[in-house]
């Protein structure tokens, strides 16, 4: 009885792993979906706190991490 049960468990495991582990070239993985990323959100928050301008905030959101890096470089000059 134990050998039969072990055989059934191994058979089901092999069957399901071969079904679910098949490599299908039609499957695509989406890393970034809809919405804004963390860089854009950070850029929007930084720009709005500095300028209170909708236009420049929208542009900062488009550029995202580029604006954040720009702010890190410029911020040191603004504080002096």
PDB file of N, CA and C in Angstrom:
ATOM      1  N   UNK A   1       0.819  -1.193   0.000  1.00  0.00           N
ATOM      2  CA  UNK A   1       0.000   0.000   0.000  1.00  0.00           C
ATOM      3  C   UNK A   1       0.869   1.265   0.000  1.00  0.00           C
ATOM      4  N   UNK A   2       1.936   1.256   0.827  1.00  0.00           N
ATOM      5  CA  UNK A   2       2.821   2.415   0.907  1.00  0.00           C
ATOM      6  C   UNK A   2       3.560   2.627  -0.406  1.00  0.00           C
ATOM      7  N   UNK A   3       3.956   1.525  -1.061  1.00  0.00           N
ATOM      8  CA  UNK A   3       4.656   1.651  -2.339  1.00  0.00           C
ATOM      9  C   UNK A   3       3.725   2.212  -3.404  1.00  0.00           C
ATOM     10  N   UNK A   4       2.488   1.807  -3.401  1.00  0.00           N
ATOM     11  CA  UNK A   4       1.519   2.299  -4.373  1.00  0.00           C
ATOM     12  C   UNK A   4       1.260   3.794  -4.148  1.00  0.00           C
ATOM     13  N   UNK A   5       1.086   4.181  -2.899  1.00  0.00           N
ATOM     14  CA  UNK A   5       0.857   5.587  -2.576  1.00  0.00           C
ATOM     15  C   UNK A   5       2.068   6.434  -2.957  1.00  0.00           C
ATOM     16  N   UNK A   6       3.276   5.947  -2.674  1.00  0.00           N
ATOM     17  CA  UNK A   6       4.487   6.669  -3.044  1.00  0.00           C
ATOM     18  C   UNK A   6       4.604   6.782  -4.557  1.00  0.00           C
ATOM     19  N   UNK A   7       4.272   5.731  -5.287  1.00  0.00           N
ATOM     20  CA  UNK A   7       4.312   5.766  -6.742  1.00  0.00           C
ATOM     21  C   UNK A   7       3.320   6.783  -7.287  1.00  0.00           C
ATOM     22  N   UNK A   8       2.125   6.838  -6.732  1.00  0.00           N
ATOM     23  CA  UNK A   8       1.114   7.792  -7.202  1.00  0.00           C
ATOM     24  C   UNK A   8       1.571   9.221  -6.933  1.00  0.00           C
ATOM     25  N   UNK A   9       2.150   9.475  -5.765  1.00  0.00           N
ATOM     26  CA  UNK A   9       2.623  10.822  -5.440  1.00  0.00           C
ATOM     27  C   UNK A   9       3.750  11.245  -6.375  1.00  0.00           C
ATOM     28  N   UNK A  10       4.699  10.348  -6.624  1.00  0.00           N
ATOM     29  CA  UNK A  10       5.801  10.652  -7.535  1.00  0.00           C
ATOM     30  C   UNK A  10       5.267  10.853  -8.952  1.00  0.00           C
ATOM     31  N   UNK A  11       4.350  10.035  -9.391  1.00  0.00           N
ATOM     32  CA  UNK A  11       3.786  10.157 -10.742  1.00  0.00           C
ATOM     33  C   UNK A  11       3.057  11.483 -10.904  1.00  0.00           C
ATOM     34  N   UNK A  12       2.256  11.865  -9.912  1.00  0.00           N
ATOM     35  CA  UNK A  12       1.527  13.141  -9.990  1.00  0.00           C
ATOM     36  C   UNK A  12       2.509  14.307  -9.968  1.00  0.00           C
ATOM     37  N   UNK A  13       3.551  14.221  -9.167  1.00  0.00           N
ATOM     38  CA  UNK A  13       4.557  15.284  -9.105  1.00  0.00           C
ATOM     39  C   UNK A  13       5.272  15.441 -10.440  1.00  0.00           C
ATOM     40  N   UNK A  14       5.663  14.351 -11.051  1.00  0.00           N
ATOM     41  CA  UNK A  14       6.333  14.413 -12.355  1.00  0.00           C
ATOM     42  C   UNK A  14       5.387  14.941 -13.421  1.00  0.00           C
ATOM     43  N   UNK A  15       4.140  14.497 -13.387  1.00  0.00           N
ATOM     44  CA  UNK A  15       3.155  14.936 -14.381  1.00  0.00           C
ATOM     45  C   UNK A  15       2.894  16.429 -14.267  1.00  0.00           C
ATOM     46  N   UNK A  16       2.665  16.932 -13.054  1.00  0.00           N
ATOM     47  CA  UNK A  16       2.372  18.357 -12.890  1.00  0.00           C
ATOM     48  C   UNK A  16       3.593  19.223 -13.155  1.00  0.00           C
ATOM     49  N   UNK A  17       4.790  18.758 -12.799  1.00  0.00           N
ATOM     50  CA  UNK A  17       5.976  19.573 -13.058  1.00  0.00           C
ATOM     51  C   UNK A  17       6.255  19.673 -14.546  1.00  0.00           C
ATOM     52  N   UNK A  18       5.958  18.622 -15.292  1.00  0.00           N
ATOM     53  CA  UNK A  18       6.175  18.692 -16.734  1.00  0.00           C
ATOM     54  C   UNK A  18       5.126  19.564 -17.402  1.00  0.00           C
ATOM     55  N   UNK A  19       3.949  19.646 -16.823  1.00  0.00           N
ATOM     56  CA  UNK A  19       2.894  20.488 -17.397  1.00  0.00           C
ATOM     57  C   UNK A  19       3.166  21.955 -17.103  1.00  0.00           C
ATOM     58  N   UNK A  20       3.502  22.275 -15.862  1.00  0.00           N
ATOM     59  CA  UNK A  20       3.670  23.664 -15.464  1.00  0.00           C
ATOM     60  C   UNK A  20       5.054  24.214 -15.759  1.00  0.00           C
ATOM     61  N   UNK A  21       6.046  23.369 -15.952  1.00  0.00           N
ATOM     62  CA  UNK A  21       7.412  23.851 -16.167  1.00  0.00           C
ATOM     63  C   UNK A  21       7.786  23.900 -17.637  1.00  0.00           C
ATOM     64  N   UNK A  22       6.822  23.704 -18.522  1.00  0.00           N
ATOM     65  CA  UNK A  22       7.157  23.739 -19.942  1.00  0.00           C
ATOM     66  C   UNK A  22       7.508  25.165 -20.346  1.00  0.00           C
ATOM     67  N   UNK A  23       8.518  25.300 -21.187  1.00  0.00           N
ATOM     68  CA  UNK A  23       8.930  26.629 -21.629  1.00  0.00           C
ATOM     69  C   UNK A  23       8.145  26.993 -22.877  1.00  0.00           C
ATOM     70  N   UNK A  24       7.352  28.018 -22.747  1.00  0.00           N
ATOM     71  CA  UNK A  24       6.524  28.492 -23.846  1.00  0.00           C
ATOM     72  C   UNK A  24       7.107  29.811 -24.341  1.00  0.00           C
ATOM     73  N   UNK A  25       7.563  29.887 -25.593  1.00  0.00           N
ATOM     74  CA  UNK A  25       8.160  31.141 -26.064  1.00  0.00           C
ATOM     75  C   UNK A  25       7.148  32.270 -26.212  1.00  0.00           C
ATOM     76  N   UNK A  26       5.857  31.969 -26.137  1.00  0.00           N
ATOM     77  CA  UNK A  26       4.826  32.995 -26.282  1.00  0.00           C
ATOM     78  C   UNK A  26       4.535  33.735 -24.979  1.00  0.00           C
ATOM     79  N   UNK A  27       5.099  33.284 -23.868  1.00  0.00           N
ATOM     80  CA  UNK A  27       4.838  33.895 -22.578  1.00  0.00           C
ATOM     81  C   UNK A  27       5.779  35.081 -22.383  1.00  0.00           C
ATOM     82  N   UNK A  28       5.216  36.239 -22.088  1.00  0.00           N
ATOM     83  CA  UNK A  28       5.994  37.444 -21.832  1.00  0.00           C
ATOM     84  C   UNK A  28       5.832  37.837 -20.380  1.00  0.00           C
ATOM     85  N   UNK A  29       6.881  38.350 -19.786  1.00  0.00           N
ATOM     86  CA  UNK A  29       6.826  38.820 -18.411  1.00  0.00           C
ATOM     87  C   UNK A  29       6.873  40.339 -18.425  1.00  0.00           C
ATOM     88  N   UNK A  30       5.904  40.953 -17.754  1.00  0.00           N
ATOM     89  CA  UNK A  30       5.850  42.402 -17.664  1.00  0.00           C
ATOM     90  C   UNK A  30       6.450  42.822 -16.336  1.00  0.00           C
ATOM     91  N   UNK A  31       7.507  43.607 -16.387  1.00  0.00           N
ATOM     92  CA  UNK A  31       8.163  44.068 -15.173  1.00  0.00           C
ATOM     93  C   UNK A  31       7.489  45.334 -14.656  1.00  0.00           C
ATOM     94  N   UNK A  32       7.267  46.284 -15.532  1.00  0.00           N
ATOM     95  CA  UNK A  32       6.639  47.537 -15.145  1.00  0.00           C
ATOM     96  C   UNK A  32       5.314  47.634 -15.871  1.00  0.00           C
ATOM     97  N   UNK A  33       4.263  47.837 -15.131  1.00  0.00           N
ATOM     98  CA  UNK A  33       2.930  47.917 -15.711  1.00  0.00           C
ATOM     99  C   UNK A  33       2.457  49.356 -15.799  1.00  0.00           C
ATOM    100  N   UNK A  34       1.171  49.532 -15.618  1.00  0.00           N
ATOM    101  CA  UNK A  34       0.582  50.860 -15.673  1.00  0.00           C
ATOM    102  C   UNK A  34       0.900  51.634 -14.398  1.00  0.00           C
ATOM    103  N   UNK A  35       0.865  52.932 -14.498  1.00  0.00           N
ATOM    104  CA  UNK A  35       1.114  53.776 -13.342  1.00  0.00           C
ATOM    105  C   UNK A  35       2.464  54.447 -13.438  1.00  0.00           C
ATOM    106  N   UNK A  36       2.820  55.152 -12.364  1.00  0.00           N
ATOM    107  CA  UNK A  36       4.106  55.847 -12.359  1.00  0.00           C
ATOM    108  C   UNK A  36       5.065  55.105 -11.454  1.00  0.00           C
ATOM    109  N   UNK A  37       6.327  55.276 -11.713  1.00  0.00           N
ATOM    110  CA  UNK A  37       7.350  54.622 -10.914  1.00  0.00           C
ATOM    111  C   UNK A  37       7.753  55.463  -9.728  1.00  0.00           C
ATOM    112  N   UNK A  38       8.622  54.911  -8.924  1.00  0.00           N
ATOM    113  CA  UNK A  38       9.088  55.598  -7.719  1.00  0.00           C
ATOM    114  C   UNK A  38       9.912  56.832  -8.083  1.00  0.00           C
ATOM    115  N   UNK A  39      10.652  56.780  -9.186  1.00  0.00           N
ATOM    116  CA  UNK A  39      11.444  57.936  -9.600  1.00  0.00           C
ATOM    117  C   UNK A  39      10.569  59.109  -9.997  1.00  0.00           C
ATOM    118  N   UNK A  40       9.505  58.821 -10.724  1.00  0.00           N
ATOM    119  CA  UNK A  40       8.584  59.890 -11.124  1.00  0.00           C
ATOM    120  C   UNK A  40       7.866  60.480  -9.919  1.00  0.00           C
ATOM    121  N   UNK A  41       7.431  59.630  -9.010  1.00  0.00           N
ATOM    122  CA  UNK A  41       6.738  60.122  -7.819  1.00  0.00           C
ATOM    123  C   UNK A  41       7.660  60.984  -6.962  1.00  0.00           C
ATOM    124  N   UNK A  42       8.900  60.553  -6.809  1.00  0.00           N
ATOM    125  CA  UNK A  42       9.868  61.332  -6.045  1.00  0.00           C
ATOM    126  C   UNK A  42      10.169  62.658  -6.726  1.00  0.00           C
ATOM    127  N   UNK A  43      10.322  62.634  -8.036  1.00  0.00           N
ATOM    128  CA  UNK A  43      10.592  63.868  -8.783  1.00  0.00           C
ATOM    129  C   UNK A  43       9.423  64.846  -8.667  1.00  0.00           C
ATOM    130  N   UNK A  44       8.200  64.335  -8.722  1.00  0.00           N
ATOM    131  CA  UNK A  44       7.022  65.199  -8.600  1.00  0.00           C
ATOM    132  C   UNK A  44       6.974  65.840  -7.220  1.00  0.00           C
ATOM    133  N   UNK A  45       7.230  65.056  -6.191  1.00  0.00           N
ATOM    134  CA  UNK A  45       7.195  65.603  -4.831  1.00  0.00           C
ATOM    135  C   UNK A  45       8.281  66.651  -4.615  1.00  0.00           C
ATOM    136  N   UNK A  46       9.478  66.382  -5.091  1.00  0.00           N
ATOM    137  CA  UNK A  46      10.582  67.338  -4.931  1.00  0.00           C
ATOM    138  C   UNK A  46      10.296  68.621  -5.690  1.00  0.00           C
ATOM    139  N   UNK A  47       9.872  68.485  -6.933  1.00  0.00           N
ATOM    140  CA  UNK A  47       9.641  69.669  -7.767  1.00  0.00           C
ATOM    141  C   UNK A  47       8.486  70.519  -7.230  1.00  0.00           C
ATOM    142  N   UNK A  48       7.424  69.862  -6.767  1.00  0.00           N
ATOM    143  CA  UNK A  48       6.287  70.626  -6.251  1.00  0.00           C
ATOM    144  C   UNK A  48       6.674  71.389  -4.982  1.00  0.00           C
ATOM    145  N   UNK A  49       7.499  70.789  -4.136  1.00  0.00           N
ATOM    146  CA  UNK A  49       7.905  71.477  -2.906  1.00  0.00           C
ATOM    147  C   UNK A  49       8.821  72.663  -3.187  1.00  0.00           C
ATOM    148  N   UNK A  50       9.521  72.617  -4.311  1.00  0.00           N
ATOM    149  CA  UNK A  50      10.425  73.722  -4.650  1.00  0.00           C
ATOM    150  C   UNK A  50       9.741  74.818  -5.454  1.00  0.00           C
ATOM    151  N   UNK A  51       8.921  74.458  -6.455  1.00  0.00           N
ATOM    152  CA  UNK A  51       8.435  75.455  -7.408  1.00  0.00           C
ATOM    153  C   UNK A  51       6.950  75.784  -7.296  1.00  0.00           C
ATOM    154  N   UNK A  52       6.133  74.876  -6.827  1.00  0.00           N
ATOM    155  CA  UNK A  52       4.669  75.032  -6.797  1.00  0.00           C
ATOM    156  C   UNK A  52       4.134  75.377  -8.181  1.00  0.00           C
ATOM    157  N   UNK A  53       4.728  74.814  -9.222  1.00  0.00           N
ATOM    158  CA  UNK A  53       4.297  75.034 -10.594  1.00  0.00           C
ATOM    159  C   UNK A  53       3.869  73.699 -11.205  1.00  0.00           C
ATOM    160  N   UNK A  54       2.686  73.703 -11.785  1.00  0.00           N
ATOM    161  CA  UNK A  54       2.157  72.473 -12.368  1.00  0.00           C
ATOM    162  C   UNK A  54       2.970  72.061 -13.596  1.00  0.00           C
ATOM    163  N   UNK A  55       3.368  73.012 -14.419  1.00  0.00           N
ATOM    164  CA  UNK A  55       4.111  72.702 -15.640  1.00  0.00           C
ATOM    165  C   UNK A  55       5.469  72.073 -15.330  1.00  0.00           C
ATOM    166  N   UNK A  56       6.230  72.700 -14.451  1.00  0.00           N
ATOM    167  CA  UNK A  56       7.543  72.136 -14.140  1.00  0.00           C
ATOM    168  C   UNK A  56       7.422  70.814 -13.375  1.00  0.00           C
ATOM    169  N   UNK A  57       6.375  70.677 -12.576  1.00  0.00           N
ATOM    170  CA  UNK A  57       6.160  69.416 -11.875  1.00  0.00           C
ATOM    171  C   UNK A  57       5.828  68.300 -12.847  1.00  0.00           C
ATOM    172  N   UNK A  58       5.029  68.602 -13.872  1.00  0.00           N
ATOM    173  CA  UNK A  58       4.702  67.592 -14.889  1.00  0.00           C
ATOM    174  C   UNK A  58       5.956  67.190 -15.670  1.00  0.00           C
ATOM    175  N   UNK A  59       6.781  68.151 -16.003  1.00  0.00           N
ATOM    176  CA  UNK A  59       8.020  67.838 -16.714  1.00  0.00           C
ATOM    177  C   UNK A  59       8.962  67.007 -15.844  1.00  0.00           C
ATOM    178  N   UNK A  60       9.030  67.334 -14.567  1.00  0.00           N
ATOM    179  CA  UNK A  60       9.871  66.552 -13.657  1.00  0.00           C
ATOM    180  C   UNK A  60       9.352  65.117 -13.560  1.00  0.00           C
ATOM    181  N   UNK A  61       8.032  64.944 -13.571  1.00  0.00           N
ATOM    182  CA  UNK A  61       7.453  63.602 -13.533  1.00  0.00           C
ATOM    183  C   UNK A  61       7.790  62.800 -14.770  1.00  0.00           C
ATOM    184  N   UNK A  62       7.873  63.450 -15.908  1.00  0.00           N
ATOM    185  CA  UNK A  62       8.232  62.766 -17.157  1.00  0.00           C
ATOM    186  C   UNK A  62       9.681  62.319 -17.113  1.00  0.00           C
ATOM    187  N   UNK A  63      10.557  63.163 -16.606  1.00  0.00           N
ATOM    188  CA  UNK A  63      11.977  62.832 -16.576  1.00  0.00           C
ATOM    189  C   UNK A  63      12.362  61.928 -15.406  1.00  0.00           C
ATOM    190  N   UNK A  64      11.584  61.917 -14.349  1.00  0.00           N
ATOM    191  CA  UNK A  64      11.770  60.985 -13.237  1.00  0.00           C
ATOM    192  C   UNK A  64      13.124  61.060 -12.572  1.00  0.00           C
ATOM    193  N   UNK A  65      13.882  59.946 -12.657  1.00  0.00           N
ATOM    194  CA  UNK A  65      15.168  59.850 -11.964  1.00  0.00           C
ATOM    195  C   UNK A  65      16.173  60.885 -12.449  1.00  0.00           C
ATOM    196  N   UNK A  66      16.061  61.318 -13.688  1.00  0.00           N
ATOM    197  CA  UNK A  66      16.981  62.348 -14.197  1.00  0.00           C
ATOM    198  C   UNK A  66      16.810  63.637 -13.387  1.00  0.00           C
ATOM    199  N   UNK A  67      15.547  64.004 -13.092  1.00  0.00           N
ATOM    200  CA  UNK A  67      15.301  65.200 -12.283  1.00  0.00           C
ATOM    201  C   UNK A  67      15.773  65.004 -10.847  1.00  0.00           C
ATOM    202  N   UNK A  68      15.591  63.819 -10.298  1.00  0.00           N
ATOM    203  CA  UNK A  68      16.030  63.559  -8.928  1.00  0.00           C
ATOM    204  C   UNK A  68      17.545  63.717  -8.814  1.00  0.00           C
ATOM    205  N   UNK A  69      18.284  63.192  -9.769  1.00  0.00           N
ATOM    206  CA  UNK A  69      19.745  63.341  -9.760  1.00  0.00           C
ATOM    207  C   UNK A  69      20.130  64.808  -9.946  1.00  0.00           C
ATOM    208  N   UNK A  70      19.436  65.505 -10.846  1.00  0.00           N
ATOM    209  CA  UNK A  70      19.667  66.934 -11.043  1.00  0.00           C
ATOM    210  C   UNK A  70      19.435  67.698  -9.744  1.00  0.00           C
ATOM    211  N   UNK A  71      18.375  67.361  -9.034  1.00  0.00           N
ATOM    212  CA  UNK A  71      18.078  68.033  -7.767  1.00  0.00           C
ATOM    213  C   UNK A  71      19.170  67.769  -6.729  1.00  0.00           C
ATOM    214  N   UNK A  72      19.677  66.566  -6.684  1.00  0.00           N
ATOM    215  CA  UNK A  72      20.736  66.255  -5.727  1.00  0.00           C
ATOM    216  C   UNK A  72      21.995  67.065  -5.998  1.00  0.00           C
ATOM    217  N   UNK A  73      22.275  67.345  -7.254  1.00  0.00           N
ATOM    218  CA  UNK A  73      23.446  68.148  -7.601  1.00  0.00           C
ATOM    219  C   UNK A  73      23.188  69.630  -7.308  1.00  0.00           C
ATOM    220  N   UNK A  74      22.024  70.131  -7.667  1.00  0.00           N
ATOM    221  CA  UNK A  74      21.686  71.546  -7.512  1.00  0.00           C
ATOM    222  C   UNK A  74      21.387  71.911  -6.056  1.00  0.00           C
ATOM    223  N   UNK A  75      20.854  70.973  -5.277  1.00  0.00           N
ATOM    224  CA  UNK A  75      20.442  71.244  -3.913  1.00  0.00           C
ATOM    225  C   UNK A  75      21.576  71.801  -3.071  1.00  0.00           C
ATOM    226  N   UNK A  76      22.775  71.302  -3.262  1.00  0.00           N
ATOM    227  CA  UNK A  76      23.910  71.767  -2.478  1.00  0.00           C
ATOM    228  C   UNK A  76      24.218  73.234  -2.772  1.00  0.00           C
ATOM    229  N   UNK A  77      24.006  73.657  -4.000  1.00  0.00           N
ATOM    230  CA  UNK A  77      24.224  75.064  -4.339  1.00  0.00           C
ATOM    231  C   UNK A  77      23.127  75.947  -3.751  1.00  0.00           C
ATOM    232  N   UNK A  78      21.884  75.445  -3.693  1.00  0.00           N
ATOM    233  CA  UNK A  78      20.779  76.238  -3.149  1.00  0.00           C
ATOM    234  C   UNK A  78      20.915  76.469  -1.649  1.00  0.00           C
ATOM    235  N   UNK A  79      21.505  75.525  -0.935  1.00  0.00           N
ATOM    236  CA  UNK A  79      21.603  75.644   0.522  1.00  0.00           C
ATOM    237  C   UNK A  79      22.683  76.622   0.933  1.00  0.00           C
ATOM    238  N   UNK A  80      23.656  76.895   0.107  1.00  0.00           N
ATOM    239  CA  UNK A  80      24.759  77.787   0.482  1.00  0.00           C
ATOM    240  C   UNK A  80      24.383  79.227   0.421  1.00  0.00           C
TER     241      UNK A  80
END
